[in-house]
């Protein structure tokens, strides 16, 4: 009998631990909490608006100092995009006016040829502007910008070149996983033109090339693949912002998850859906992925748990998981994805990450990591963390038919 009681006690302990784990991963997040978070974001950004001069865009807040950028910095589209989401969520016309003014400041970005980030810069701003208002004045920069971005495509490689600089590796044709996000600009404009659009072909070829070369057997992603521009062969597999070439940089995994979920949304190509599910599987099964859903900056940092979290990666993942949950026919898997998004949003909406009104330089989220190897924007707020956080909140409310 003593052995039976001991065995039974162990079973109860295991069940208890399992329940604790599930509870940690599936907290109560509700439309009420999401609406409260949106209201707090709006109050916080009222202060951001007051301190933002014309032709400047918020980048970060470090050492008590505001760090802004001009319109040609790759993050310039996130601030007007966040304003558009605040308008969509609140229906307050002041946000529409502010978002319009900041979006129109980015007009000349459509001709930027020095890097690949026109998708971030234009689609987050002009793209949201058009989707929310249907105003035709927002179309031309999107179309022009898409064709400007397409000029960076090399058919020998089958991908869009990310950077013109070679880092310290002697890169010849670097392509980063982040570039999956910029395909939305090409795909959206291409769909308007029809299935014969060259933009659709470029976006799909880039996505296929990335599947072929960027992912390891476990579906973690390299950050940078350097190609030979003459024949498309792979020269190097490196990182620029992760711990090491073979590590799994958290935001890189988030970009991949979001990018392939997005490509499936537009194309309905199941190859992209399966890729997104595989990436999700890597994230969710990783022993270094915290139960609260906000990842450490790199999944392979040996200092875990005594290292930095990256709220920006968490916000991108939350937005992607919501979409992925809607595309997955398997109800159990779909619920898992949605619960994971809820877990992340619940954590990001806590005092640990969501700043009090008037603090954090009027940015929304604390504790993001930009580029730790270069000691740049480490444990700071970032404009794209704010953008994807509010985007995820809006998506959450839309799924609950609360907007």
Protein backbone atom coordinates (compact mmCIF):
# COMPACT_ATOMS: atom_id res chain seq x y z
CA UNK A 1 0.00 0.00 0.00
CA UNK A 2 2.89 2.35 0.80
CA UNK A 3 4.25 1.90 -2.75
CA UNK A 4 0.80 2.53 -4.23
CA UNK A 5 0.45 5.78 -2.27
CA UNK A 6 3.92 6.90 -3.36
CA UNK A 7 3.21 6.08 -6.99
CA UNK A 8 -0.15 7.82 -6.80
CA UNK A 9 1.52 10.89 -5.26
CA UNK A 10 4.01 11.06 -8.12
CA UNK A 11 1.19 10.89 -10.67
CA UNK A 12 -0.65 13.73 -8.91
CA UNK A 13 2.56 15.78 -8.88
CA UNK A 14 3.09 15.24 -12.62
CA UNK A 15 -0.51 16.19 -13.37
CA UNK A 16 -0.13 19.28 -11.20
CA UNK A 17 3.05 20.32 -13.03
CA UNK A 18 1.38 19.75 -16.38
CA UNK A 19 -1.58 21.89 -15.33
CA UNK A 20 0.75 24.62 -14.13
CA UNK A 21 2.56 24.54 -17.46
CA UNK A 22 -0.70 24.78 -19.42
CA UNK A 23 -1.91 27.60 -17.19
CA UNK A 24 1.34 29.48 -17.72
CA UNK A 25 0.97 29.15 -21.46
CA UNK A 26 -2.76 29.90 -21.69
CA UNK A 27 -3.55 32.79 -19.35
CA UNK A 28 -6.85 34.59 -19.36
CA UNK A 29 -6.65 37.26 -22.04
CA UNK A 30 -9.90 38.82 -23.02
CA UNK A 31 -11.42 41.48 -25.22
CA UNK A 32 -11.66 43.63 -22.12
CA UNK A 33 -7.91 43.34 -21.50
CA UNK A 34 -7.18 44.00 -25.16
CA UNK A 35 -9.37 47.12 -25.14
CA UNK A 36 -7.74 48.32 -21.94
CA UNK A 37 -4.32 47.85 -23.54
CA UNK A 38 -5.41 49.78 -26.65
CA UNK A 39 -6.70 52.62 -24.46
CA UNK A 40 -3.37 52.75 -22.61
CA UNK A 41 -1.48 52.71 -25.91
CA UNK A 42 -3.55 55.65 -27.17
CA UNK A 43 -2.85 57.68 -24.04
CA UNK A 44 0.85 56.90 -24.29
CA UNK A 45 1.05 57.86 -27.94
CA UNK A 46 -0.64 61.18 -27.29
CA UNK A 47 2.61 62.05 -25.56
CA UNK A 48 4.63 60.60 -28.45
CA UNK A 49 2.77 62.81 -30.92
CA UNK A 50 3.49 65.94 -28.91
CA UNK A 51 7.24 65.34 -28.90
CA UNK A 52 7.63 64.22 -32.52
CA UNK A 53 8.86 66.99 -34.86
CA UNK A 54 8.05 67.10 -38.59
CA UNK A 55 10.13 64.81 -40.82
CA UNK A 56 11.28 62.80 -37.80
CA UNK A 57 10.20 59.33 -36.72
CA UNK A 58 10.64 57.61 -33.34
CA UNK A 59 13.30 54.96 -33.23
CA UNK A 60 14.15 54.24 -29.58
CA UNK A 61 14.68 55.73 -26.14
CA UNK A 62 18.02 55.14 -24.43
CA UNK A 63 19.68 56.69 -21.41
CA UNK A 64 16.77 59.05 -20.91
CA UNK A 65 17.15 60.43 -24.43
CA UNK A 66 14.78 60.19 -27.38
CA UNK A 67 16.34 58.74 -30.52
CA UNK A 68 14.61 59.67 -33.77
CA UNK A 69 15.36 58.95 -37.40
CA UNK A 70 14.70 60.57 -40.73
CA UNK A 71 12.30 59.01 -43.24
CA UNK A 72 15.03 56.93 -44.90
CA UNK A 73 15.76 54.81 -41.82
CA UNK A 74 14.25 51.36 -42.27
CA UNK A 75 11.92 51.81 -39.30
CA UNK A 76 10.23 55.02 -40.46
CA UNK A 77 6.99 53.34 -41.52
CA UNK A 78 6.21 51.78 -38.15
CA UNK A 79 5.16 54.97 -36.35
CA UNK A 80 2.55 56.08 -38.91
CA UNK A 81 1.45 52.45 -39.12
CA UNK A 82 0.84 52.36 -35.37
CA UNK A 83 -1.17 55.57 -35.65
CA UNK A 84 -3.32 53.92 -38.32
CA UNK A 85 -3.97 50.94 -36.05
CA UNK A 86 -4.94 53.28 -33.20
CA UNK A 87 -7.44 54.90 -35.56
CA UNK A 88 -8.79 51.53 -36.63
CA UNK A 89 -9.21 50.41 -33.01
CA UNK A 90 -10.62 53.63 -31.55
CA UNK A 91 -12.38 55.25 -34.53
CA UNK A 92 -11.11 58.56 -33.16
CA UNK A 93 -10.62 60.94 -36.10
CA UNK A 94 -7.60 62.61 -34.50
CA UNK A 95 -5.58 59.45 -35.08
CA UNK A 96 -6.62 59.39 -38.72
CA UNK A 97 -5.42 62.97 -39.19
CA UNK A 98 -2.13 62.30 -37.42
CA UNK A 99 -1.56 59.05 -39.32
CA UNK A 100 -2.29 60.71 -42.66
CA UNK A 101 0.15 63.55 -42.02
CA UNK A 102 2.96 61.22 -40.95
CA UNK A 103 2.32 58.82 -43.82
CA UNK A 104 2.49 61.56 -46.44
CA UNK A 105 5.91 62.56 -45.11
CA UNK A 106 7.21 59.24 -46.48
CA UNK A 107 6.24 59.87 -50.12
CA UNK A 108 9.76 60.05 -51.55
CA UNK A 109 10.71 56.73 -49.90
CA UNK A 110 9.06 55.04 -52.91
CA UNK A 111 12.22 55.82 -54.91
CA UNK A 112 14.70 54.51 -52.32
CA UNK A 113 17.08 52.02 -53.93
CA UNK A 114 19.77 51.56 -51.28
CA UNK A 115 18.20 48.68 -49.36
CA UNK A 116 15.31 46.21 -49.26
CA UNK A 117 13.13 47.67 -46.51
CA UNK A 118 10.56 49.47 -48.63
CA UNK A 119 7.98 46.95 -47.48
CA UNK A 120 8.44 47.99 -43.85
CA UNK A 121 8.61 51.66 -44.75
CA UNK A 122 5.72 51.86 -47.20
CA UNK A 123 3.35 48.99 -46.52
CA UNK A 124 3.11 49.64 -42.78
CA UNK A 125 2.28 53.27 -43.52
CA UNK A 126 0.69 53.66 -46.97
CA UNK A 127 -0.53 50.07 -47.01
CA UNK A 128 -2.48 50.46 -43.79
CA UNK A 129 -3.64 53.88 -44.91
CA UNK A 130 -5.21 52.45 -48.05
CA UNK A 131 -6.61 49.32 -46.41
CA UNK A 132 -8.33 51.34 -43.69
CA UNK A 133 -9.52 54.35 -45.71
CA UNK A 134 -9.66 53.04 -49.31
CA UNK A 135 -8.44 56.50 -50.33
CA UNK A 136 -6.81 56.29 -53.79
CA UNK A 137 -4.21 58.92 -52.91
CA UNK A 138 -2.33 56.29 -50.94
CA UNK A 139 -1.96 53.89 -53.88
CA UNK A 140 0.70 55.43 -56.11
CA UNK A 141 3.58 55.31 -53.57
CA UNK A 142 2.81 51.62 -52.95
CA UNK A 143 2.89 50.77 -56.66
CA UNK A 144 6.01 52.83 -57.37
CA UNK A 145 7.72 51.48 -54.25
CA UNK A 146 6.97 47.89 -55.20
CA UNK A 147 8.64 48.30 -58.58
CA UNK A 148 11.57 50.09 -56.96
CA UNK A 149 12.03 47.17 -54.58
CA UNK A 150 11.75 44.67 -57.45
CA UNK A 151 14.86 46.18 -59.02
CA UNK A 152 16.88 44.50 -56.27
CA UNK A 153 15.85 41.05 -57.51
CA UNK A 154 18.51 38.94 -59.23
CA UNK A 155 17.09 36.02 -61.28
CA UNK A 156 20.39 34.15 -60.98
CA UNK A 157 19.93 34.04 -57.23
CA UNK A 158 16.15 33.99 -57.15
CA UNK A 159 16.03 36.49 -54.31
CA UNK A 160 16.04 40.20 -53.50
CA UNK A 161 19.35 41.55 -52.27
CA UNK A 162 19.04 42.92 -48.75
CA UNK A 163 22.10 45.10 -48.24
CA UNK A 164 24.59 46.81 -50.49
CA UNK A 165 27.23 46.76 -47.75
CA UNK A 166 29.30 43.64 -47.21
CA UNK A 167 29.58 43.71 -43.42
CA UNK A 168 32.93 42.40 -42.31
CA UNK A 169 32.46 39.09 -44.09
CA UNK A 170 33.06 40.18 -47.67
CA UNK A 171 29.45 39.40 -48.59
CA UNK A 172 28.63 39.64 -52.27
CA UNK A 173 24.85 39.21 -52.27
CA UNK A 174 23.50 39.07 -48.69
CA UNK A 175 19.86 38.09 -48.18
CA UNK A 176 18.45 38.22 -44.65
CA UNK A 177 15.41 36.40 -43.23
CA UNK A 178 13.88 39.82 -42.44
CA UNK A 179 13.38 40.27 -46.17
CA UNK A 180 10.39 37.89 -46.04
CA UNK A 181 8.44 40.75 -44.47
CA UNK A 182 9.02 43.06 -47.42
CA UNK A 183 7.40 40.59 -49.80
CA UNK A 184 3.98 41.77 -48.66
CA UNK A 185 4.40 45.01 -50.60
CA UNK A 186 5.22 43.09 -53.78
CA UNK A 187 2.46 40.54 -53.27
CA UNK A 188 -0.26 43.05 -52.46
CA UNK A 189 0.54 45.28 -55.45
CA UNK A 190 1.04 42.21 -57.65
CA UNK A 191 -2.39 40.83 -56.75
CA UNK A 192 -3.99 44.08 -57.86
CA UNK A 193 -2.30 43.66 -61.24
CA UNK A 194 -3.29 40.03 -61.74
CA UNK A 195 -1.63 36.61 -61.73
CA UNK A 196 0.71 37.52 -64.58
CA UNK A 197 2.32 40.30 -62.53
CA UNK A 198 6.10 40.16 -62.41
CA UNK A 199 5.89 41.27 -58.78
CA UNK A 200 4.07 38.08 -57.78
CA UNK A 201 6.67 35.98 -59.55
CA UNK A 202 9.50 37.77 -57.77
CA UNK A 203 7.86 37.46 -54.35
CA UNK A 204 7.18 33.75 -54.81
CA UNK A 205 10.64 32.99 -56.12
CA UNK A 206 12.22 34.83 -53.20
CA UNK A 207 10.05 32.91 -50.74
CA UNK A 208 10.95 29.58 -52.37
CA UNK A 209 14.67 30.38 -52.44
CA UNK A 210 14.51 31.30 -48.75
CA UNK A 211 12.87 27.97 -47.88
CA UNK A 212 15.63 26.17 -49.76
CA UNK A 213 18.63 27.85 -48.15
CA UNK A 214 17.70 29.75 -44.97
CA UNK A 215 16.36 26.91 -42.82
CA UNK A 216 18.08 24.15 -40.94
CA UNK A 217 16.69 20.66 -40.50
CA UNK A 218 14.83 21.70 -37.32
CA UNK A 219 13.31 24.72 -39.16
CA UNK A 220 15.33 27.28 -37.27
CA UNK A 221 16.63 30.01 -39.53
CA UNK A 222 19.98 31.44 -40.45
CA UNK A 223 20.00 35.23 -40.42
CA UNK A 224 22.13 35.96 -43.49
CA UNK A 225 22.68 33.85 -46.59
CA UNK A 226 25.33 35.23 -48.93
CA UNK A 227 24.94 34.18 -52.56
CA UNK A 228 27.13 34.26 -55.62
CA UNK A 229 25.27 36.78 -57.81
CA UNK A 230 26.59 35.11 -60.97
CA UNK A 231 25.16 31.63 -60.43
CA UNK A 232 23.12 31.71 -57.20
CA UNK A 233 25.34 29.33 -55.25
CA UNK A 234 25.53 29.80 -51.48
CA UNK A 235 28.81 31.37 -50.36
CA UNK A 236 28.22 31.91 -46.64
CA UNK A 237 25.65 31.24 -43.93
CA UNK A 238 26.09 33.85 -41.22
CA UNK A 239 24.44 36.10 -38.68
CA UNK A 240 24.58 39.84 -38.24
CA UNK A 241 22.42 40.28 -35.15
CA UNK A 242 22.31 36.83 -33.56
CA UNK A 243 24.63 35.16 -31.08
CA UNK A 244 26.51 33.14 -33.69
CA UNK A 245 26.22 31.90 -37.25
CA UNK A 246 24.62 28.65 -36.09
CA UNK A 247 22.39 30.10 -33.39
CA UNK A 248 18.68 30.90 -33.70
CA UNK A 249 18.21 34.64 -33.37
CA UNK A 250 14.72 35.12 -31.94
CA UNK A 251 13.51 37.95 -34.15
CA UNK A 252 14.75 36.05 -37.17
CA UNK A 253 12.48 33.15 -36.23
CA UNK A 254 9.65 35.65 -35.78
CA UNK A 255 10.24 37.20 -39.21
CA UNK A 256 10.12 33.76 -40.78
CA UNK A 257 6.94 32.77 -38.95
CA UNK A 258 5.19 35.99 -39.92
CA UNK A 259 6.57 36.03 -43.47
CA UNK A 260 5.38 32.58 -44.48
CA UNK A 261 2.03 32.99 -42.73
CA UNK A 262 1.60 36.22 -44.69
CA UNK A 263 2.58 34.58 -47.98
CA UNK A 264 -0.01 31.86 -47.42
CA UNK A 265 -2.66 34.49 -46.71
CA UNK A 266 -2.11 36.00 -50.14
CA UNK A 267 -1.27 32.99 -52.29
CA UNK A 268 -3.02 30.06 -50.54
CA UNK A 269 0.06 28.03 -51.48
CA UNK A 270 0.15 25.26 -48.89
CA UNK A 271 3.93 25.09 -49.09
CA UNK A 272 3.99 28.41 -47.25
CA UNK A 273 1.44 27.28 -44.68
CA UNK A 274 3.45 24.14 -43.94
CA UNK A 275 6.63 26.19 -43.64
CA UNK A 276 4.95 28.52 -41.16
CA UNK A 277 3.70 25.55 -39.13
CA UNK A 278 7.18 24.03 -39.08
CA UNK A 279 8.68 27.31 -37.84
CA UNK A 280 5.93 27.52 -35.21
CA UNK A 281 6.82 23.99 -34.15
CA UNK A 282 10.46 24.94 -33.69
CA UNK A 283 9.51 27.91 -31.51
CA UNK A 284 6.88 26.15 -29.39
CA UNK A 285 8.93 23.00 -28.77
CA UNK A 286 12.19 24.78 -28.00
CA UNK A 287 13.26 24.13 -24.39
CA UNK A 288 14.59 27.70 -24.15
CA UNK A 289 11.26 29.28 -25.12
CA UNK A 290 9.74 30.76 -21.93
CA UNK A 291 6.27 29.76 -20.78
CA UNK A 292 5.14 33.41 -20.84
CA UNK A 293 5.76 33.56 -24.61
CA UNK A 294 8.27 36.43 -24.83
CA UNK A 295 11.49 34.89 -26.17
CA UNK A 296 15.04 35.48 -25.11
CA UNK A 297 16.89 37.50 -27.74
CA UNK A 298 18.57 34.34 -29.08
CA UNK A 299 17.32 30.81 -28.45
CA UNK A 300 20.91 29.58 -28.02
CA UNK A 301 22.29 32.12 -25.59
CA UNK A 302 24.09 30.02 -22.94
CA UNK A 303 23.23 32.67 -20.34
CA UNK A 304 19.51 31.82 -20.50
CA UNK A 305 17.60 32.59 -18.25
CA UNK A 306 19.99 35.35 -17.19
CA UNK A 307 19.94 37.25 -20.45
CA UNK A 308 17.74 39.67 -22.36
CA UNK A 309 14.20 39.08 -23.55
CA UNK A 310 13.10 40.57 -26.87
CA UNK A 311 9.61 42.07 -26.71
CA UNK A 312 9.80 42.97 -30.40
CA UNK A 313 10.20 39.30 -31.36
CA UNK A 314 7.32 38.42 -29.05
CA UNK A 315 5.06 41.03 -30.62
CA UNK A 316 5.82 39.79 -34.16
CA UNK A 317 5.16 36.20 -33.05
CA UNK A 318 1.84 37.16 -31.44
CA UNK A 319 0.60 38.79 -34.62
CA UNK A 320 1.72 35.84 -36.74
CA UNK A 321 0.23 33.22 -34.41
CA UNK A 322 -3.18 34.89 -34.59
CA UNK A 323 -3.15 34.70 -38.37
CA UNK A 324 -1.78 31.17 -38.40
CA UNK A 325 -4.54 30.05 -36.03
CA UNK A 326 -7.13 31.19 -38.55
CA UNK A 327 -5.50 29.34 -41.46
CA UNK A 328 -5.04 25.98 -39.73
CA UNK A 329 -7.83 23.45 -40.33
CA UNK A 330 -6.72 21.31 -37.40
CA UNK A 331 -8.81 22.79 -34.57
CA UNK A 332 -6.44 21.58 -31.86
CA UNK A 333 -3.42 23.10 -33.56
CA UNK A 334 -5.32 26.28 -34.36
CA UNK A 335 -6.31 26.65 -30.73
CA UNK A 336 -2.70 26.11 -29.70
CA UNK A 337 -1.57 28.95 -31.95
CA UNK A 338 -4.30 31.29 -30.76
CA UNK A 339 -3.64 30.45 -27.12
CA UNK A 340 0.04 31.16 -27.71
CA UNK A 341 -0.78 34.58 -29.16
CA UNK A 342 -3.00 35.23 -26.13
CA UNK A 343 -0.17 34.18 -23.82
CA UNK A 344 2.24 36.59 -25.46
CA UNK A 345 -0.27 39.45 -25.46
CA UNK A 346 -1.08 38.81 -21.83
CA UNK A 347 2.61 39.06 -20.95
CA UNK A 348 3.30 42.10 -23.11
CA UNK A 349 0.25 43.85 -21.62
CA UNK A 350 1.57 43.39 -18.08
CA UNK A 351 3.48 46.03 -16.14
CA UNK A 352 6.69 44.15 -16.87
CA UNK A 353 6.54 45.13 -20.56
CA UNK A 354 3.82 47.73 -21.17
CA UNK A 355 5.08 51.09 -19.98
CA UNK A 356 3.10 53.36 -17.70
CA UNK A 357 1.67 56.42 -19.42
CA UNK A 358 4.30 59.15 -19.57
CA UNK A 359 7.27 56.82 -19.09
CA UNK A 360 9.59 54.95 -21.50
CA UNK A 361 9.93 57.99 -23.77
CA UNK A 362 6.24 57.48 -24.67
CA UNK A 363 7.04 54.19 -26.38
CA UNK A 364 4.64 51.38 -25.55
CA UNK A 365 6.81 48.33 -24.87
CA UNK A 366 9.94 47.97 -22.79
CA UNK A 367 12.67 45.34 -23.11
CA UNK A 368 13.41 44.85 -26.80
CA UNK A 369 16.79 44.02 -28.33
CA UNK A 370 17.88 45.58 -31.61
CA UNK A 371 21.44 44.40 -32.25
CA UNK A 372 23.17 42.96 -29.19
CA UNK A 373 26.44 41.95 -30.90
CA UNK A 374 26.98 45.61 -31.77
CA UNK A 375 25.62 46.77 -28.41
CA UNK A 376 22.93 48.76 -30.24
CA UNK A 377 19.43 49.22 -28.83
CA UNK A 378 19.81 46.62 -26.10
CA UNK A 379 16.95 46.33 -23.57
CA UNK A 380 15.23 49.39 -25.01
CA UNK A 381 11.90 50.32 -26.57
CA UNK A 382 11.72 50.03 -30.36
CA UNK A 383 9.20 51.44 -32.82
CA UNK A 384 8.59 48.10 -34.51
CA UNK A 385 7.88 46.39 -31.19
CA UNK A 386 5.11 48.95 -30.66
CA UNK A 387 3.77 48.45 -34.18
CA UNK A 388 3.46 44.67 -34.06
CA UNK A 389 2.09 44.77 -30.52
CA UNK A 390 -0.77 47.09 -31.52
CA UNK A 391 -1.26 45.10 -34.73
CA UNK A 392 -1.63 41.92 -32.69
CA UNK A 393 -4.11 43.60 -30.34
CA UNK A 394 -6.19 44.78 -33.30
CA UNK A 395 -6.12 41.31 -34.85
CA UNK A 396 -7.12 39.76 -31.52
CA UNK A 397 -10.12 42.08 -31.23
CA UNK A 398 -11.07 41.41 -34.85
CA UNK A 399 -11.12 37.65 -34.24
CA UNK A 400 -13.43 38.29 -31.28
CA UNK A 401 -15.57 40.60 -33.46
CA UNK A 402 -14.88 43.37 -30.94
CA UNK A 403 -13.89 46.08 -33.45
